[in-house]
Amino acid sequence: MREWLASWRFLISRRWLSFFLAVIVLGIGTWWLGEWQFGRLDDKRERNAVIEANAHEDPVPVTDVLAPGTPVADGEEYTVVEATGTYAVDDTLIVRYRTRDSAPGVQVVVPLVLADGTALVVDRGWLAFDGPTDEARDAAPEPPAGEVTITGWVRVDGEGDSTEVSDGGMRAISSTAVGEALDLEVYGGFVELLSEDPAPAESLDPPEEPDTGEGPHFFYGLQWWFFGVLALGGFGYLAWDERKHGPRGSRVRSPRAGH
């Protein structure tokens, strides 16, 4: 037994202890990354459950779901809402850099002013366009004039610098940023348009169906855990190899045949 223990004494050398600590750090890192990927998978599944529960139900009044200055509640995204008002065409905004099938384009956003003077931020749809923001505004088809009833999906506001409104455009939609830029009292969140009554003379491309795929997170999580197991297995193999054959740098190489 003593001889067997003595054969492993090299593991308490500085070189092997440092190697072991590096493997432990690597193992913890790969475990955490795997957990992160599985966490993203859980988030995706929760979002998919919300979409499947809401996206194809009958419309409900917008006031049942949204309120001025209030963020979209958990579980309400992709609820189909209905609202009646008048489009503030002069306040049209452009969401830049929105491609579809590799084609350049923009989203056209127009506030819908309701009877009480509050406004609902409406993404009316996608326009194939490659040019300056002011030209995109001019190229966008006009919405119906006068009172119009819309239905659409509730969407959560974007965040960060991309929501800043400048020169009539932005890169992501935030009702807060739109309200501040246009000096309007707006409902929290925004609506992706599904229908308008009366219908416009020319329509924009409607929103794409929400993605309910789970993505590659499950396999990415397994891969990270596999890397951690591989690192531990590699440490064990190298330790066994050195115990059996001695340090690699001090091994005597066999002479080549014929020399």
C-alpha atoms as a PDB file:
ATOM      1  CA  MET A   1       0.000   0.000   0.000  1.00  0.00           C
ATOM      2  CA  ARG A   2       2.845   2.370   0.897  1.00  0.00           C
ATOM      3  CA  GLU A   3       4.537   1.705  -2.403  1.00  0.00           C
ATOM      4  CA  TRP A   4       1.265   2.354  -4.248  1.00  0.00           C
ATOM      5  CA  LEU A   5       0.776   5.664  -2.415  1.00  0.00           C
ATOM      6  CA  ALA A   6       4.386   6.627  -2.996  1.00  0.00           C
ATOM      7  CA  SER A   7       3.944   6.086  -6.722  1.00  0.00           C
ATOM      8  CA  TRP A   8       1.403   8.933  -6.710  1.00  0.00           C
ATOM      9  CA  ARG A   9       3.502  11.394  -4.694  1.00  0.00           C
ATOM     10  CA  PHE A  10       4.314  13.362  -7.828  1.00  0.00           C
ATOM     11  CA  LEU A  11       0.726  14.692  -7.725  1.00  0.00           C
ATOM     12  CA  ILE A  12       1.641  16.985  -4.794  1.00  0.00           C
ATOM     13  CA  SER A  13       4.417  18.646  -6.779  1.00  0.00           C
ATOM     14  CA  ARG A  14       3.970  22.292  -7.741  1.00  0.00           C
ATOM     15  CA  ARG A  15       3.602  21.373 -11.423  1.00  0.00           C
ATOM     16  CA  TRP A  16       0.792  18.892 -10.857  1.00  0.00           C
ATOM     17  CA  LEU A  17      -0.987  20.979  -8.228  1.00  0.00           C
ATOM     18  CA  SER A  18      -1.004  23.913 -10.655  1.00  0.00           C
ATOM     19  CA  PHE A  19      -2.268  21.630 -13.404  1.00  0.00           C
ATOM     20  CA  PHE A  20      -5.003  20.307 -11.097  1.00  0.00           C
ATOM     21  CA  LEU A  21      -6.134  23.814 -10.127  1.00  0.00           C
ATOM     22  CA  ALA A  22      -6.286  24.807 -13.801  1.00  0.00           C
ATOM     23  CA  VAL A  23      -8.460  21.761 -14.551  1.00  0.00           C
ATOM     24  CA  ILE A  24     -10.759  22.589 -11.614  1.00  0.00           C
ATOM     25  CA  VAL A  25     -11.157  26.185 -12.821  1.00  0.00           C
ATOM     26  CA  LEU A  26     -11.838  24.902 -16.338  1.00  0.00           C
ATOM     27  CA  GLY A  27     -14.372  22.407 -14.992  1.00  0.00           C
ATOM     28  CA  ILE A  28     -16.210  25.084 -13.002  1.00  0.00           C
ATOM     29  CA  GLY A  29     -16.216  27.348 -16.047  1.00  0.00           C
ATOM     30  CA  THR A  30     -17.641  24.696 -18.355  1.00  0.00           C
ATOM     31  CA  TRP A  31     -20.244  23.721 -15.757  1.00  0.00           C
ATOM     32  CA  TRP A  32     -21.356  27.360 -15.444  1.00  0.00           C
ATOM     33  CA  LEU A  33     -21.500  27.799 -19.213  1.00  0.00           C
ATOM     34  CA  GLY A  34     -23.584  24.646 -19.528  1.00  0.00           C
ATOM     35  CA  GLU A  35     -25.956  25.896 -16.833  1.00  0.00           C
ATOM     36  CA  TRP A  36     -26.182  29.241 -18.661  1.00  0.00           C
ATOM     37  CA  GLN A  37     -27.188  27.520 -21.891  1.00  0.00           C
ATOM     38  CA  PHE A  38     -29.811  25.402 -20.133  1.00  0.00           C
ATOM     39  CA  GLY A  39     -31.090  28.567 -18.449  1.00  0.00           C
ATOM     40  CA  ARG A  40     -31.480  30.192 -21.847  1.00  0.00           C
ATOM     41  CA  LEU A  41     -33.356  27.096 -22.994  1.00  0.00           C
ATOM     42  CA  ASP A  42     -35.758  27.443 -20.050  1.00  0.00           C
ATOM     43  CA  ASP A  43     -36.294  31.126 -20.891  1.00  0.00           C
ATOM     44  CA  LYS A  44     -36.981  30.215 -24.516  1.00  0.00           C
ATOM     45  CA  ARG A  45     -39.503  27.565 -23.500  1.00  0.00           C
ATOM     46  CA  GLU A  46     -41.279  30.010 -21.192  1.00  0.00           C
ATOM     47  CA  ARG A  47     -41.465  32.591 -23.982  1.00  0.00           C
ATOM     48  CA  ASN A  48     -42.744  29.971 -26.425  1.00  0.00           C
ATOM     49  CA  ALA A  49     -45.468  29.001 -23.949  1.00  0.00           C
ATOM     50  CA  VAL A  50     -46.564  32.658 -23.762  1.00  0.00           C
ATOM     51  CA  ILE A  51     -46.607  32.948 -27.560  1.00  0.00           C
ATOM     52  CA  GLU A  52     -48.585  29.741 -28.006  1.00  0.00           C
ATOM     53  CA  ALA A  53     -51.093  30.860 -25.361  1.00  0.00           C
ATOM     54  CA  ASN A  54     -51.601  34.364 -26.785  1.00  0.00           C
ATOM     55  CA  ALA A  55     -50.693  34.789 -30.424  1.00  0.00           C
ATOM     56  CA  HIS A  56     -53.772  33.333 -32.097  1.00  0.00           C
ATOM     57  CA  GLU A  57     -56.532  34.185 -29.635  1.00  0.00           C
ATOM     58  CA  ASP A  58     -59.376  36.621 -30.344  1.00  0.00           C
ATOM     59  CA  PRO A  59     -58.481  40.300 -29.846  1.00  0.00           C
ATOM     60  CA  VAL A  60     -59.191  42.030 -26.550  1.00  0.00           C
ATOM     61  CA  PRO A  61     -59.446  45.796 -25.882  1.00  0.00           C
ATOM     62  CA  VAL A  62     -56.010  47.362 -25.607  1.00  0.00           C
ATOM     63  CA  THR A  63     -56.959  48.835 -22.219  1.00  0.00           C
ATOM     64  CA  ASP A  64     -57.314  45.289 -20.844  1.00  0.00           C
ATOM     65  CA  VAL A  65     -53.623  44.680 -21.454  1.00  0.00           C
ATOM     66  CA  LEU A  66     -51.718  47.969 -21.696  1.00  0.00           C
ATOM     67  CA  ALA A  67     -51.731  51.247 -19.803  1.00  0.00           C
ATOM     68  CA  PRO A  68     -50.003  54.607 -20.353  1.00  0.00           C
ATOM     69  CA  GLY A  69     -46.463  54.639 -19.012  1.00  0.00           C
ATOM     70  CA  THR A  70     -46.673  51.049 -17.741  1.00  0.00           C
ATOM     71  CA  PRO A  71     -44.426  48.249 -19.062  1.00  0.00           C
ATOM     72  CA  VAL A  72     -45.988  45.163 -20.614  1.00  0.00           C
ATOM     73  CA  ALA A  73     -46.823  42.677 -17.880  1.00  0.00           C
ATOM     74  CA  ASP A  74     -45.193  39.258 -17.790  1.00  0.00           C
ATOM     75  CA  GLY A  75     -47.140  36.786 -19.863  1.00  0.00           C
ATOM     76  CA  GLU A  76     -48.899  39.435 -21.970  1.00  0.00           C
ATOM     77  CA  GLU A  77     -46.507  39.663 -24.930  1.00  0.00           C
ATOM     78  CA  TYR A  78     -48.105  38.540 -28.198  1.00  0.00           C
ATOM     79  CA  THR A  79     -51.599  39.065 -26.813  1.00  0.00           C
ATOM     80  CA  VAL A  80     -53.846  40.213 -29.684  1.00  0.00           C
ATOM     81  CA  VAL A  81     -55.338  43.614 -28.843  1.00  0.00           C
ATOM     82  CA  GLU A  82     -57.788  45.919 -30.575  1.00  0.00           C
ATOM     83  CA  ALA A  83     -57.832  49.724 -30.515  1.00  0.00           C
ATOM     84  CA  THR A  84     -59.653  52.524 -32.327  1.00  0.00           C
ATOM     85  CA  GLY A  85     -58.162  55.930 -33.053  1.00  0.00           C
ATOM     86  CA  THR A  86     -56.618  58.188 -35.653  1.00  0.00           C
ATOM     87  CA  TYR A  87     -53.094  57.821 -37.016  1.00  0.00           C
ATOM     88  CA  ALA A  88     -50.742  60.758 -36.378  1.00  0.00           C
ATOM     89  CA  VAL A  89     -49.190  60.500 -39.847  1.00  0.00           C
ATOM     90  CA  ASP A  90     -46.946  63.523 -39.339  1.00  0.00           C
ATOM     91  CA  ASP A  91     -45.279  61.672 -36.454  1.00  0.00           C
ATOM     92  CA  THR A  92     -44.274  58.666 -38.569  1.00  0.00           C
ATOM     93  CA  LEU A  93     -40.973  57.135 -37.489  1.00  0.00           C
ATOM     94  CA  ILE A  94     -38.664  54.666 -39.217  1.00  0.00           C
ATOM     95  CA  VAL A  95     -36.932  51.682 -37.618  1.00  0.00           C
ATOM     96  CA  ARG A  96     -33.694  51.322 -39.546  1.00  0.00           C
ATOM     97  CA  TYR A  97     -31.728  48.249 -40.656  1.00  0.00           C
ATOM     98  CA  ARG A  98     -34.490  45.623 -40.686  1.00  0.00           C
ATOM     99  CA  THR A  99     -33.663  42.967 -43.256  1.00  0.00           C
ATOM    100  CA  ARG A 100     -35.911  40.135 -44.474  1.00  0.00           C
ATOM    101  CA  ASP A 101     -34.525  37.271 -46.496  1.00  0.00           C
ATOM    102  CA  SER A 102     -31.292  39.289 -46.820  1.00  0.00           C
ATOM    103  CA  ALA A 103     -33.185  42.216 -48.415  1.00  0.00           C
ATOM    104  CA  PRO A 104     -32.682  45.659 -46.816  1.00  0.00           C
ATOM    105  CA  GLY A 105     -35.717  47.295 -45.323  1.00  0.00           C
ATOM    106  CA  VAL A 106     -37.297  49.313 -42.522  1.00  0.00           C
ATOM    107  CA  GLN A 107     -40.216  49.089 -40.139  1.00  0.00           C
ATOM    108  CA  VAL A 108     -42.745  51.942 -40.319  1.00  0.00           C
ATOM    109  CA  VAL A 109     -44.037  53.158 -36.943  1.00  0.00           C
ATOM    110  CA  VAL A 110     -47.037  55.491 -36.618  1.00  0.00           C
ATOM    111  CA  PRO A 111     -48.693  56.527 -33.328  1.00  0.00           C
ATOM    112  CA  LEU A 112     -52.418  55.819 -33.123  1.00  0.00           C
ATOM    113  CA  VAL A 113     -54.080  58.588 -31.099  1.00  0.00           C
ATOM    114  CA  LEU A 114     -57.066  57.282 -29.142  1.00  0.00           C
ATOM    115  CA  ALA A 115     -60.214  59.185 -28.143  1.00  0.00           C
ATOM    116  CA  ASP A 116     -58.781  60.274 -24.770  1.00  0.00           C
ATOM    117  CA  GLY A 117     -55.658  61.747 -26.382  1.00  0.00           C
ATOM    118  CA  THR A 118     -53.285  58.959 -25.377  1.00  0.00           C
ATOM    119  CA  ALA A 119     -51.332  57.238 -28.135  1.00  0.00           C
ATOM    120  CA  LEU A 120     -50.526  53.652 -28.993  1.00  0.00           C
ATOM    121  CA  VAL A 121     -47.200  53.047 -30.745  1.00  0.00           C
ATOM    122  CA  VAL A 122     -48.019  50.922 -33.795  1.00  0.00           C
ATOM    123  CA  ASP A 123     -45.478  49.130 -35.977  1.00  0.00           C
ATOM    124  CA  ARG A 124     -47.482  49.112 -39.196  1.00  0.00           C
ATOM    125  CA  GLY A 125     -45.172  46.718 -41.029  1.00  0.00           C
ATOM    126  CA  TRP A 126     -42.052  46.184 -43.088  1.00  0.00           C
ATOM    127  CA  LEU A 127     -41.047  48.142 -46.189  1.00  0.00           C
ATOM    128  CA  ALA A 128     -38.360  46.986 -48.602  1.00  0.00           C
ATOM    129  CA  PHE A 129     -36.134  50.043 -48.775  1.00  0.00           C
ATOM    130  CA  ASP A 130     -32.463  50.951 -48.876  1.00  0.00           C
ATOM    131  CA  GLY A 131     -31.902  54.649 -48.381  1.00  0.00           C
ATOM    132  CA  PRO A 132     -32.003  57.578 -45.939  1.00  0.00           C
ATOM    133  CA  THR A 133     -34.630  57.771 -43.208  1.00  0.00           C
ATOM    134  CA  ASP A 134     -36.413  60.814 -44.654  1.00  0.00           C
ATOM    135  CA  GLU A 135     -36.776  59.065 -48.013  1.00  0.00           C
ATOM    136  CA  ALA A 136     -38.129  55.965 -46.311  1.00  0.00           C
ATOM    137  CA  ARG A 137     -40.789  58.104 -44.613  1.00  0.00           C
ATOM    138  CA  ASP A 138     -41.804  59.519 -47.984  1.00  0.00           C
ATOM    139  CA  ALA A 139     -41.865  56.053 -49.574  1.00  0.00           C
ATOM    140  CA  ALA A 140     -44.019  54.466 -46.843  1.00  0.00           C
ATOM    141  CA  PRO A 141     -47.648  53.834 -47.871  1.00  0.00           C
ATOM    142  CA  GLU A 142     -50.170  56.089 -46.133  1.00  0.00           C
ATOM    143  CA  PRO A 143     -52.282  54.544 -43.360  1.00  0.00           C
ATOM    144  CA  PRO A 144     -56.076  54.809 -43.550  1.00  0.00           C
ATOM    145  CA  ALA A 145     -57.342  58.361 -42.999  1.00  0.00           C
ATOM    146  CA  GLY A 146     -59.762  59.213 -40.212  1.00  0.00           C
ATOM    147  CA  GLU A 147     -60.878  56.800 -37.527  1.00  0.00           C
ATOM    148  CA  VAL A 148     -59.464  53.320 -37.869  1.00  0.00           C
ATOM    149  CA  THR A 149     -59.694  50.141 -35.819  1.00  0.00           C
ATOM    150  CA  ILE A 150     -56.555  48.058 -35.587  1.00  0.00           C
ATOM    151  CA  THR A 151     -55.635  44.662 -34.215  1.00  0.00           C
ATOM    152  CA  GLY A 152     -52.100  43.577 -33.456  1.00  0.00           C
ATOM    153  CA  TRP A 153     -49.648  41.733 -31.239  1.00  0.00           C
ATOM    154  CA  VAL A 154     -48.443  43.349 -28.037  1.00  0.00           C
ATOM    155  CA  ARG A 155     -44.661  43.600 -27.961  1.00  0.00           C
ATOM    156  CA  VAL A 156     -42.258  44.496 -25.171  1.00  0.00           C
ATOM    157  CA  ASP A 157     -40.257  47.717 -25.511  1.00  0.00           C
ATOM    158  CA  GLY A 158     -36.672  47.553 -26.681  1.00  0.00           C
ATOM    159  CA  GLU A 159     -33.885  48.749 -24.406  1.00  0.00           C
ATOM    160  CA  GLY A 160     -30.568  50.555 -24.647  1.00  0.00           C
ATOM    161  CA  ASP A 161     -29.094  53.138 -26.969  1.00  0.00           C
ATOM    162  CA  SER A 162     -30.699  51.555 -30.030  1.00  0.00           C
ATOM    163  CA  THR A 163     -34.087  52.951 -28.964  1.00  0.00           C
ATOM    164  CA  GLU A 164     -32.932  56.594 -29.151  1.00  0.00           C
ATOM    165  CA  VAL A 165     -35.031  58.552 -31.646  1.00  0.00           C
ATOM    166  CA  SER A 166     -33.024  60.846 -33.928  1.00  0.00           C
ATOM    167  CA  ASP A 167     -33.705  62.341 -37.349  1.00  0.00           C
ATOM    168  CA  GLY A 168     -37.080  60.601 -37.489  1.00  0.00           C
ATOM    169  CA  GLY A 169     -35.761  57.106 -36.873  1.00  0.00           C
ATOM    170  CA  MET A 170     -34.359  54.558 -34.436  1.00  0.00           C
ATOM    171  CA  ARG A 171     -32.975  51.035 -34.466  1.00  0.00           C
ATOM    172  CA  ALA A 172     -35.385  49.497 -31.925  1.00  0.00           C
ATOM    173  CA  ILE A 173     -38.828  50.504 -30.695  1.00  0.00           C
ATOM    174  CA  SER A 174     -39.406  51.845 -27.200  1.00  0.00           C
ATOM    175  CA  SER A 175     -42.702  53.527 -26.349  1.00  0.00           C
ATOM    176  CA  THR A 176     -40.916  55.613 -23.727  1.00  0.00           C
ATOM    177  CA  ALA A 177     -38.409  56.974 -26.235  1.00  0.00           C
ATOM    178  CA  VAL A 178     -41.126  57.561 -28.841  1.00  0.00           C
ATOM    179  CA  GLY A 179     -43.339  59.370 -26.342  1.00  0.00           C
ATOM    180  CA  GLU A 180     -40.501  61.636 -25.244  1.00  0.00           C
ATOM    181  CA  ALA A 181     -39.434  62.382 -28.822  1.00  0.00           C
ATOM    182  CA  LEU A 182     -42.967  63.183 -30.009  1.00  0.00           C
ATOM    183  CA  ASP A 183     -44.256  64.705 -26.743  1.00  0.00           C
ATOM    184  CA  LEU A 184     -47.083  62.175 -26.515  1.00  0.00           C
ATOM    185  CA  GLU A 185     -48.564  60.254 -23.618  1.00  0.00           C
ATOM    186  CA  VAL A 186     -48.171  56.690 -24.826  1.00  0.00           C
ATOM    187  CA  TYR A 187     -49.144  53.214 -23.710  1.00  0.00           C
ATOM    188  CA  GLY A 188     -46.290  51.019 -22.532  1.00  0.00           C
ATOM    189  CA  GLY A 189     -45.024  48.551 -25.107  1.00  0.00           C
ATOM    190  CA  PHE A 190     -45.983  48.700 -28.746  1.00  0.00           C
ATOM    191  CA  VAL A 191     -48.221  46.822 -31.170  1.00  0.00           C
ATOM    192  CA  GLU A 192     -47.234  44.914 -34.308  1.00  0.00           C
ATOM    193  CA  LEU A 193     -50.072  45.468 -36.753  1.00  0.00           C
ATOM    194  CA  LEU A 194     -52.148  42.527 -37.949  1.00  0.00           C
ATOM    195  CA  SER A 195     -55.162  44.292 -39.472  1.00  0.00           C
ATOM    196  CA  GLU A 196     -56.706  47.713 -40.093  1.00  0.00           C
ATOM    197  CA  ASP A 197     -60.371  48.586 -40.661  1.00  0.00           C
ATOM    198  CA  PRO A 198     -60.812  50.318 -43.024  1.00  0.00           C
ATOM    199  CA  ALA A 199     -57.991  48.739 -44.987  1.00  0.00           C
ATOM    200  CA  PRO A 200     -55.308  51.004 -46.487  1.00  0.00           C
ATOM    201  CA  ALA A 201     -54.960  51.532 -50.225  1.00  0.00           C
ATOM    202  CA  GLU A 202     -51.506  49.933 -50.030  1.00  0.00           C
ATOM    203  CA  SER A 203     -50.338  47.686 -47.225  1.00  0.00           C
ATOM    204  CA  LEU A 204     -46.917  47.149 -45.716  1.00  0.00           C
ATOM    205  CA  ASP A 205     -45.616  43.617 -45.215  1.00  0.00           C
ATOM    206  CA  PRO A 206     -47.174  42.156 -42.033  1.00  0.00           C
ATOM    207  CA  PRO A 207     -45.094  40.870 -39.116  1.00  0.00           C
ATOM    208  CA  GLU A 208     -43.505  37.481 -39.440  1.00  0.00           C
ATOM    209  CA  GLU A 209     -44.810  34.638 -37.325  1.00  0.00           C
ATOM    210  CA  PRO A 210     -42.955  34.523 -33.993  1.00  0.00           C
ATOM    211  CA  ASP A 211     -40.150  32.003 -33.770  1.00  0.00           C
ATOM    212  CA  THR A 212     -41.078  29.221 -31.362  1.00  0.00           C
ATOM    213  CA  GLY A 213     -38.034  27.047 -31.983  1.00  0.00           C
ATOM    214  CA  GLU A 214     -35.876  26.110 -28.999  1.00  0.00           C
ATOM    215  CA  GLY A 215     -32.579  26.869 -30.724  1.00  0.00           C
ATOM    216  CA  PRO A 216     -29.290  25.031 -30.095  1.00  0.00           C
ATOM    217  CA  HIS A 217     -29.088  25.739 -26.344  1.00  0.00           C
ATOM    218  CA  PHE A 218     -29.622  22.113 -25.248  1.00  0.00           C
ATOM    219  CA  PHE A 219     -26.753  20.801 -27.372  1.00  0.00           C
ATOM    220  CA  TYR A 220     -24.511  23.758 -26.479  1.00  0.00           C
ATOM    221  CA  GLY A 221     -25.109  22.986 -22.797  1.00  0.00           C
ATOM    222  CA  LEU A 222     -24.185  19.334 -23.309  1.00  0.00           C
ATOM    223  CA  GLN A 223     -21.074  20.354 -25.247  1.00  0.00           C
ATOM    224  CA  TRP A 224     -19.822  22.581 -22.414  1.00  0.00           C
ATOM    225  CA  TRP A 225     -20.358  19.815 -19.869  1.00  0.00           C
ATOM    226  CA  PHE A 226     -18.635  17.343 -22.174  1.00  0.00           C
ATOM    227  CA  PHE A 227     -15.608  19.658 -22.358  1.00  0.00           C
ATOM    228  CA  GLY A 228     -15.482  19.733 -18.543  1.00  0.00           C
ATOM    229  CA  VAL A 229     -15.629  15.951 -18.303  1.00  0.00           C
ATOM    230  CA  LEU A 230     -12.993  15.701 -21.037  1.00  0.00           C
ATOM    231  CA  ALA A 231     -10.648  17.981 -19.080  1.00  0.00           C
ATOM    232  CA  LEU A 232     -11.017  15.880 -15.918  1.00  0.00           C
ATOM    233  CA  GLY A 233     -10.576  12.688 -17.910  1.00  0.00           C
ATOM    234  CA  GLY A 234      -7.479  14.118 -19.577  1.00  0.00           C
ATOM    235  CA  PHE A 235      -5.978  14.987 -16.193  1.00  0.00           C
ATOM    236  CA  GLY A 236      -6.603  11.446 -14.953  1.00  0.00           C
ATOM    237  CA  TYR A 237      -5.037   9.890 -18.046  1.00  0.00           C
ATOM    238  CA  LEU A 238      -1.922  12.079 -17.906  1.00  0.00           C
ATOM    239  CA  ALA A 239      -1.501  11.328 -14.191  1.00  0.00           C
ATOM    240  CA  TRP A 240      -1.798   7.581 -14.836  1.00  0.00           C
ATOM    241  CA  ASP A 241       0.655   7.869 -17.736  1.00  0.00           C
ATOM    242  CA  GLU A 242       3.274   9.660 -15.619  1.00  0.00           C
ATOM    243  CA  ARG A 243       2.873   7.199 -12.772  1.00  0.00           C
ATOM    244  CA  LYS A 244       3.446   4.298 -15.141  1.00  0.00           C
ATOM    245  CA  HIS A 245       6.159   5.719 -17.388  1.00  0.00           C
ATOM    246  CA  GLY A 246       7.607   8.625 -15.434  1.00  0.00           C
ATOM    247  CA  PRO A 247       7.761  12.304 -16.441  1.00  0.00           C
ATOM    248  CA  ARG A 248       7.605  12.704 -20.185  1.00  0.00           C
ATOM    249  CA  GLY A 249      10.678  14.922 -20.327  1.00  0.00           C
ATOM    250  CA  SER A 250      12.908  12.349 -18.642  1.00  0.00           C
ATOM    251  CA  ARG A 251      11.818   9.229 -20.515  1.00  0.00           C
ATOM    252  CA  VAL A 252      14.431   7.325 -22.456  1.00  0.00           C
ATOM    253  CA  ARG A 253      13.457   7.064 -26.085  1.00  0.00           C
ATOM    254  CA  SER A 254      13.858   3.730 -27.859  1.00  0.00           C
ATOM    255  CA  PRO A 255      16.594   3.812 -30.554  1.00  0.00           C
ATOM    256  CA  ARG A 256      15.327   3.718 -34.111  1.00  0.00           C
ATOM    257  CA  ALA A 257      15.696   0.506 -35.999  1.00  0.00           C
ATOM    258  CA  GLY A 258      18.844   0.438 -38.068  1.00  0.00           C
ATOM    259  CA  HIS A 259      20.657   3.122 -36.036  1.00  0.00           C
END
